[in-house]
Amino acid sequence: MNVNKTILRTATLVALGLSAITMAHAQQDPYSPWLVRARAVELNWANKQNNGLDATNVTATNKAIPEVDVSYFFTKNIAAELVLTYPQKVNVTVAGNPGTLKALPPSLLVQYHFTDLGAIKPYVGVGMNYTSFTSVSVPAIPTASLSSNSTGGVAQIGVDYMIDKNWGLNFDLKYIQIKTEVYAGGADKGQLALNPTAAALGVTYRY
């Protein structure tokens, strides 16, 4: 009987202790670790080329795209952000001839958030980008093609201005390394470094 009472008392104390820890954590951080944003992004391509053959010059036209990102906060300052969109149609010019391609450029970043500045919450981030190129079409040069994918680094600065505890406005600026080999007739004609600067405005929602 005494053993049973001891077990019951111990279990009760453990339950009360866990409850107190949970309540203390909730008081310190009343938010879920999840944050989502929807942004409008302007991609400004660098179009740097290394080919030596003027006839194969390739350029991409600047483009506005929609973007959604999801962030998870490991602490109040450290977060991971996954940046997503759907395959985007990009207008290109190959040796003066118009064409199109589709690019899917998700990125994954680790961020540091400055959270003790009131409603203004700046952040910086670094990470990796993976871009998949598909549906390359240049009617005047049917043999034109690009590498199927690209990986590169991403650097980011941004700020959230929180209107209330859940909703805010976001400004974000990224530099993304995207490069691809250019082919014509199966021959490698050189490398195109797209390396866009991505300026974005959007809406933030913190659970």
C-alpha atoms as a PDB file:
ATOM      1  CA  MET A   1       0.000   0.000   0.000  1.00  0.00           C
ATOM      2  CA  ASN A   2       2.796   2.387   0.877  1.00  0.00           C
ATOM      3  CA  VAL A   3       4.546   1.552  -2.410  1.00  0.00           C
ATOM      4  CA  ASN A   4       1.386   2.346  -4.373  1.00  0.00           C
ATOM      5  CA  LYS A   5       0.964   5.645  -2.550  1.00  0.00           C
ATOM      6  CA  THR A   6       4.573   6.550  -3.261  1.00  0.00           C
ATOM      7  CA  ILE A   7       4.164   5.762  -6.967  1.00  0.00           C
ATOM      8  CA  LEU A   8       0.954   7.790  -7.123  1.00  0.00           C
ATOM      9  CA  ARG A   9       2.549  10.775  -5.398  1.00  0.00           C
ATOM     10  CA  THR A  10       5.616  10.585  -7.669  1.00  0.00           C
ATOM     11  CA  ALA A  11       3.458  10.411 -10.806  1.00  0.00           C
ATOM     12  CA  THR A  12       1.407  13.371  -9.575  1.00  0.00           C
ATOM     13  CA  LEU A  13       4.529  15.446  -8.909  1.00  0.00           C
ATOM     14  CA  VAL A  14       5.956  14.596 -12.363  1.00  0.00           C
ATOM     15  CA  ALA A  15       2.661  15.551 -14.034  1.00  0.00           C
ATOM     16  CA  LEU A  16       2.533  18.826 -12.148  1.00  0.00           C
ATOM     17  CA  GLY A  17       6.165  19.536 -13.034  1.00  0.00           C
ATOM     18  CA  LEU A  18       5.592  18.878 -16.751  1.00  0.00           C
ATOM     19  CA  SER A  19       2.477  21.056 -16.659  1.00  0.00           C
ATOM     20  CA  ALA A  20       4.432  23.911 -15.063  1.00  0.00           C
ATOM     21  CA  ILE A  21       7.214  23.613 -17.658  1.00  0.00           C
ATOM     22  CA  THR A  22       4.679  23.646 -20.506  1.00  0.00           C
ATOM     23  CA  MET A  23       2.892  26.707 -19.075  1.00  0.00           C
ATOM     24  CA  ALA A  24       6.186  28.545 -18.551  1.00  0.00           C
ATOM     25  CA  HIS A  25       7.237  27.835 -22.144  1.00  0.00           C
ATOM     26  CA  ALA A  26       3.873  29.058 -23.429  1.00  0.00           C
ATOM     27  CA  GLN A  27       4.259  32.290 -21.459  1.00  0.00           C
ATOM     28  CA  GLN A  28       7.793  32.833 -22.845  1.00  0.00           C
ATOM     29  CA  ASP A  29       6.827  32.080 -26.449  1.00  0.00           C
ATOM     30  CA  PRO A  30       3.080  32.332 -27.113  1.00  0.00           C
ATOM     31  CA  TYR A  31       3.563  31.659 -30.840  1.00  0.00           C
ATOM     32  CA  SER A  32       3.773  28.481 -32.839  1.00  0.00           C
ATOM     33  CA  PRO A  33       7.234  27.957 -34.356  1.00  0.00           C
ATOM     34  CA  TRP A  34       5.664  28.176 -37.834  1.00  0.00           C
ATOM     35  CA  LEU A  35       5.576  31.314 -40.002  1.00  0.00           C
ATOM     36  CA  VAL A  36       4.359  31.638 -43.596  1.00  0.00           C
ATOM     37  CA  ARG A  37       4.702  34.401 -46.174  1.00  0.00           C
ATOM     38  CA  ALA A  38       3.265  35.137 -49.609  1.00  0.00           C
ATOM     39  CA  ARG A  39       5.389  37.423 -51.772  1.00  0.00           C
ATOM     40  CA  ALA A  40       5.543  39.083 -55.187  1.00  0.00           C
ATOM     41  CA  VAL A  41       9.140  38.813 -56.461  1.00  0.00           C
ATOM     42  CA  GLU A  42      10.993  40.680 -59.209  1.00  0.00           C
ATOM     43  CA  LEU A  43      13.825  38.587 -60.670  1.00  0.00           C
ATOM     44  CA  ASN A  44      16.593  40.702 -62.187  1.00  0.00           C
ATOM     45  CA  TRP A  45      18.941  38.396 -64.102  1.00  0.00           C
ATOM     46  CA  ALA A  46      22.676  39.151 -64.254  1.00  0.00           C
ATOM     47  CA  ASN A  47      23.062  37.345 -67.633  1.00  0.00           C
ATOM     48  CA  LYS A  48      26.848  36.952 -67.301  1.00  0.00           C
ATOM     49  CA  GLN A  49      28.297  34.805 -70.071  1.00  0.00           C
ATOM     50  CA  ASN A  50      31.470  32.826 -70.581  1.00  0.00           C
ATOM     51  CA  ASN A  51      31.390  31.390 -74.063  1.00  0.00           C
ATOM     52  CA  GLY A  52      33.559  33.345 -76.515  1.00  0.00           C
ATOM     53  CA  LEU A  53      31.090  32.792 -79.346  1.00  0.00           C
ATOM     54  CA  ASP A  54      28.855  35.810 -79.956  1.00  0.00           C
ATOM     55  CA  ALA A  55      26.503  33.686 -82.041  1.00  0.00           C
ATOM     56  CA  THR A  56      25.456  31.731 -78.934  1.00  0.00           C
ATOM     57  CA  ASN A  57      24.802  34.697 -76.632  1.00  0.00           C
ATOM     58  CA  VAL A  58      21.877  33.907 -74.362  1.00  0.00           C
ATOM     59  CA  THR A  59      19.957  36.347 -72.154  1.00  0.00           C
ATOM     60  CA  ALA A  60      16.884  35.989 -69.940  1.00  0.00           C
ATOM     61  CA  THR A  61      14.277  38.729 -69.536  1.00  0.00           C
ATOM     62  CA  ASN A  62      13.561  40.071 -66.037  1.00  0.00           C
ATOM     63  CA  LYS A  63      10.393  38.579 -64.613  1.00  0.00           C
ATOM     64  CA  ALA A  64       7.917  38.989 -61.735  1.00  0.00           C
ATOM     65  CA  ILE A  65       6.829  35.753 -60.028  1.00  0.00           C
ATOM     66  CA  PRO A  66       4.690  34.696 -57.051  1.00  0.00           C
ATOM     67  CA  GLU A  67       6.402  33.005 -54.127  1.00  0.00           C
ATOM     68  CA  VAL A  68       5.385  31.262 -50.909  1.00  0.00           C
ATOM     69  CA  ASP A  69       7.781  30.451 -48.102  1.00  0.00           C
ATOM     70  CA  VAL A  70       7.470  28.483 -44.885  1.00  0.00           C
ATOM     71  CA  SER A  71       9.737  29.136 -41.882  1.00  0.00           C
ATOM     72  CA  TYR A  72      10.257  27.028 -38.777  1.00  0.00           C
ATOM     73  CA  PHE A  73      11.784  28.647 -35.677  1.00  0.00           C
ATOM     74  CA  PHE A  74      14.103  26.364 -33.702  1.00  0.00           C
ATOM     75  CA  THR A  75      14.586  29.210 -31.206  1.00  0.00           C
ATOM     76  CA  LYS A  76      13.202  32.759 -31.111  1.00  0.00           C
ATOM     77  CA  ASN A  77      16.172  33.855 -33.264  1.00  0.00           C
ATOM     78  CA  ILE A  78      17.151  30.857 -35.416  1.00  0.00           C
ATOM     79  CA  ALA A  79      14.868  29.654 -38.218  1.00  0.00           C
ATOM     80  CA  ALA A  80      14.944  27.618 -41.421  1.00  0.00           C
ATOM     81  CA  GLU A  81      13.076  28.926 -44.472  1.00  0.00           C
ATOM     82  CA  LEU A  82      11.902  26.924 -47.484  1.00  0.00           C
ATOM     83  CA  VAL A  83      11.128  29.145 -50.493  1.00  0.00           C
ATOM     84  CA  LEU A  84       8.705  27.691 -53.039  1.00  0.00           C
ATOM     85  CA  THR A  85       7.038  28.557 -56.323  1.00  0.00           C
ATOM     86  CA  TYR A  86       5.764  26.632 -59.348  1.00  0.00           C
ATOM     87  CA  PRO A  87       7.707  26.220 -62.657  1.00  0.00           C
ATOM     88  CA  GLN A  88       8.049  29.687 -64.137  1.00  0.00           C
ATOM     89  CA  LYS A  89       8.073  30.524 -67.837  1.00  0.00           C
ATOM     90  CA  VAL A  90      11.062  32.742 -68.675  1.00  0.00           C
ATOM     91  CA  ASN A  91      11.542  34.587 -71.971  1.00  0.00           C
ATOM     92  CA  VAL A  92      15.053  34.210 -73.400  1.00  0.00           C
ATOM     93  CA  THR A  93      16.989  35.368 -76.436  1.00  0.00           C
ATOM     94  CA  VAL A  94      19.509  33.055 -78.116  1.00  0.00           C
ATOM     95  CA  ALA A  95      21.757  34.693 -80.715  1.00  0.00           C
ATOM     96  CA  GLY A  96      19.047  37.323 -81.216  1.00  0.00           C
ATOM     97  CA  ASN A  97      16.284  34.716 -81.581  1.00  0.00           C
ATOM     98  CA  PRO A  98      13.369  34.676 -79.105  1.00  0.00           C
ATOM     99  CA  GLY A  99      12.633  31.604 -77.049  1.00  0.00           C
ATOM    100  CA  THR A 100      11.262  30.362 -73.736  1.00  0.00           C
ATOM    101  CA  LEU A 101      12.133  27.981 -70.937  1.00  0.00           C
ATOM    102  CA  LYS A 102      10.670  26.902 -67.615  1.00  0.00           C
ATOM    103  CA  ALA A 103      12.583  27.243 -64.351  1.00  0.00           C
ATOM    104  CA  LEU A 104      11.699  25.866 -60.917  1.00  0.00           C
ATOM    105  CA  PRO A 105      14.001  27.519 -58.310  1.00  0.00           C
ATOM    106  CA  PRO A 106      13.293  26.392 -54.704  1.00  0.00           C
ATOM    107  CA  SER A 107      15.729  27.527 -51.977  1.00  0.00           C
ATOM    108  CA  LEU A 108      16.430  26.443 -48.401  1.00  0.00           C
ATOM    109  CA  LEU A 109      17.990  28.945 -45.985  1.00  0.00           C
ATOM    110  CA  VAL A 110      19.065  29.220 -42.359  1.00  0.00           C
ATOM    111  CA  GLN A 111      18.177  32.622 -40.849  1.00  0.00           C
ATOM    112  CA  TYR A 112      18.972  34.745 -37.824  1.00  0.00           C
ATOM    113  CA  HIS A 113      16.066  36.969 -36.719  1.00  0.00           C
ATOM    114  CA  PHE A 114      16.521  40.106 -34.610  1.00  0.00           C
ATOM    115  CA  THR A 115      13.418  39.854 -32.441  1.00  0.00           C
ATOM    116  CA  ASP A 116      13.960  42.479 -29.735  1.00  0.00           C
ATOM    117  CA  LEU A 117      13.241  45.597 -31.800  1.00  0.00           C
ATOM    118  CA  GLY A 118       9.492  45.810 -31.282  1.00  0.00           C
ATOM    119  CA  ALA A 119       7.330  45.563 -34.388  1.00  0.00           C
ATOM    120  CA  ILE A 120      10.355  45.763 -36.715  1.00  0.00           C
ATOM    121  CA  LYS A 121      12.011  42.350 -37.046  1.00  0.00           C
ATOM    122  CA  PRO A 122      15.015  42.249 -39.422  1.00  0.00           C
ATOM    123  CA  TYR A 123      16.701  39.001 -40.437  1.00  0.00           C
ATOM    124  CA  VAL A 124      19.625  37.673 -42.471  1.00  0.00           C
ATOM    125  CA  GLY A 125      19.962  34.294 -44.124  1.00  0.00           C
ATOM    126  CA  VAL A 126      22.244  32.020 -46.128  1.00  0.00           C
ATOM    127  CA  GLY A 127      21.464  28.782 -47.911  1.00  0.00           C
ATOM    128  CA  MET A 128      21.301  26.799 -51.127  1.00  0.00           C
ATOM    129  CA  ASN A 129      19.265  27.028 -54.309  1.00  0.00           C
ATOM    130  CA  TYR A 130      18.337  24.214 -56.684  1.00  0.00           C
ATOM    131  CA  THR A 131      16.932  25.237 -60.070  1.00  0.00           C
ATOM    132  CA  SER A 132      15.465  22.794 -62.578  1.00  0.00           C
ATOM    133  CA  PHE A 133      15.313  23.875 -66.247  1.00  0.00           C
ATOM    134  CA  THR A 134      12.737  22.294 -68.564  1.00  0.00           C
ATOM    135  CA  SER A 135      10.875  22.986 -71.819  1.00  0.00           C
ATOM    136  CA  VAL A 136      13.625  24.976 -73.543  1.00  0.00           C
ATOM    137  CA  SER A 137      12.258  26.196 -76.875  1.00  0.00           C
ATOM    138  CA  VAL A 138      13.975  28.438 -79.446  1.00  0.00           C
ATOM    139  CA  PRO A 139      12.060  27.924 -82.717  1.00  0.00           C
ATOM    140  CA  ALA A 140      14.830  29.430 -84.877  1.00  0.00           C
ATOM    141  CA  ILE A 141      17.453  27.176 -83.230  1.00  0.00           C
ATOM    142  CA  PRO A 142      15.766  23.813 -82.557  1.00  0.00           C
ATOM    143  CA  THR A 143      19.027  22.305 -81.279  1.00  0.00           C
ATOM    144  CA  ALA A 144      19.408  24.895 -78.492  1.00  0.00           C
ATOM    145  CA  SER A 145      19.277  23.512 -74.947  1.00  0.00           C
ATOM    146  CA  LEU A 146      20.474  24.130 -71.376  1.00  0.00           C
ATOM    147  CA  SER A 147      21.722  21.993 -68.500  1.00  0.00           C
ATOM    148  CA  SER A 148      18.807  20.329 -66.728  1.00  0.00           C
ATOM    149  CA  ASN A 149      19.601  21.763 -63.297  1.00  0.00           C
ATOM    150  CA  SER A 150      21.741  24.141 -61.267  1.00  0.00           C
ATOM    151  CA  THR A 151      22.830  24.392 -57.632  1.00  0.00           C
ATOM    152  CA  GLY A 152      24.269  27.468 -55.955  1.00  0.00           C
ATOM    153  CA  GLY A 153      24.367  29.625 -52.868  1.00  0.00           C
ATOM    154  CA  VAL A 154      21.789  32.152 -51.666  1.00  0.00           C
ATOM    155  CA  ALA A 155      22.322  35.250 -49.491  1.00  0.00           C
ATOM    156  CA  GLN A 156      19.357  37.083 -47.967  1.00  0.00           C
ATOM    157  CA  ILE A 157      18.415  40.153 -45.976  1.00  0.00           C
ATOM    158  CA  GLY A 158      14.890  41.129 -45.042  1.00  0.00           C
ATOM    159  CA  VAL A 159      12.536  42.597 -42.496  1.00  0.00           C
ATOM    160  CA  ASP A 160       9.059  41.891 -41.163  1.00  0.00           C
ATOM    161  CA  TYR A 161       6.955  44.760 -39.853  1.00  0.00           C
ATOM    162  CA  MET A 162       4.377  43.180 -37.558  1.00  0.00           C
ATOM    163  CA  ILE A 163       1.003  44.948 -37.582  1.00  0.00           C
ATOM    164  CA  ASP A 164      -0.216  42.772 -34.718  1.00  0.00           C
ATOM    165  CA  LYS A 165       0.932  39.533 -33.070  1.00  0.00           C
ATOM    166  CA  ASN A 166       0.002  37.466 -36.131  1.00  0.00           C
ATOM    167  CA  TRP A 167       0.013  39.641 -39.267  1.00  0.00           C
ATOM    168  CA  GLY A 168       2.817  41.659 -40.812  1.00  0.00           C
ATOM    169  CA  LEU A 169       4.338  43.110 -43.968  1.00  0.00           C
ATOM    170  CA  ASN A 170       7.558  41.742 -45.436  1.00  0.00           C
ATOM    171  CA  PHE A 171      10.406  43.086 -47.568  1.00  0.00           C
ATOM    172  CA  ASP A 172      13.017  40.602 -48.718  1.00  0.00           C
ATOM    173  CA  LEU A 173      16.127  40.785 -50.903  1.00  0.00           C
ATOM    174  CA  LYS A 174      18.091  37.758 -52.118  1.00  0.00           C
ATOM    175  CA  TYR A 175      21.106  37.138 -54.325  1.00  0.00           C
ATOM    176  CA  ILE A 176      20.854  33.694 -55.923  1.00  0.00           C
ATOM    177  CA  GLN A 177      23.557  31.805 -57.815  1.00  0.00           C
ATOM    178  CA  ILE A 178      22.012  30.111 -60.851  1.00  0.00           C
ATOM    179  CA  LYS A 179      24.130  28.958 -63.777  1.00  0.00           C
ATOM    180  CA  THR A 180      23.678  26.637 -66.729  1.00  0.00           C
ATOM    181  CA  GLU A 181      25.614  25.300 -69.682  1.00  0.00           C
ATOM    182  CA  VAL A 182      24.377  26.362 -73.133  1.00  0.00           C
ATOM    183  CA  TYR A 183      24.268  23.753 -75.905  1.00  0.00           C
ATOM    184  CA  ALA A 184      23.664  23.990 -79.648  1.00  0.00           C
ATOM    185  CA  GLY A 185      23.692  20.938 -81.862  1.00  0.00           C
ATOM    186  CA  GLY A 186      24.809  18.918 -78.840  1.00  0.00           C
ATOM    187  CA  ALA A 187      28.004  21.001 -78.453  1.00  0.00           C
ATOM    188  CA  ASP A 188      28.742  22.906 -75.223  1.00  0.00           C
ATOM    189  CA  LYS A 189      28.876  26.592 -76.202  1.00  0.00           C
ATOM    190  CA  GLY A 190      29.698  27.964 -72.751  1.00  0.00           C
ATOM    191  CA  GLN A 191      28.155  28.926 -69.454  1.00  0.00           C
ATOM    192  CA  LEU A 192      25.382  31.390 -68.682  1.00  0.00           C
ATOM    193  CA  ALA A 193      25.357  32.748 -65.106  1.00  0.00           C
ATOM    194  CA  LEU A 194      21.829  34.026 -64.500  1.00  0.00           C
ATOM    195  CA  ASN A 195      22.562  34.968 -60.828  1.00  0.00           C
ATOM    196  CA  PRO A 196      19.370  36.962 -60.182  1.00  0.00           C
ATOM    197  CA  THR A 197      18.786  39.598 -57.554  1.00  0.00           C
ATOM    198  CA  ALA A 198      15.305  38.884 -56.185  1.00  0.00           C
ATOM    199  CA  ALA A 199      13.473  41.812 -54.569  1.00  0.00           C
ATOM    200  CA  ALA A 200      10.180  40.910 -52.902  1.00  0.00           C
ATOM    201  CA  LEU A 201       7.212  42.427 -51.070  1.00  0.00           C
ATOM    202  CA  GLY A 202       4.709  40.307 -49.227  1.00  0.00           C
ATOM    203  CA  VAL A 203       2.498  39.438 -46.293  1.00  0.00           C
ATOM    204  CA  THR A 204       3.616  37.585 -43.165  1.00  0.00           C
ATOM    205  CA  TYR A 205       1.484  35.372 -40.930  1.00  0.00           C
ATOM    206  CA  ARG A 206       2.850  33.994 -37.630  1.00  0.00           C
ATOM    207  CA  TYR A 207       0.710  31.431 -35.847  1.00  0.00           C
END
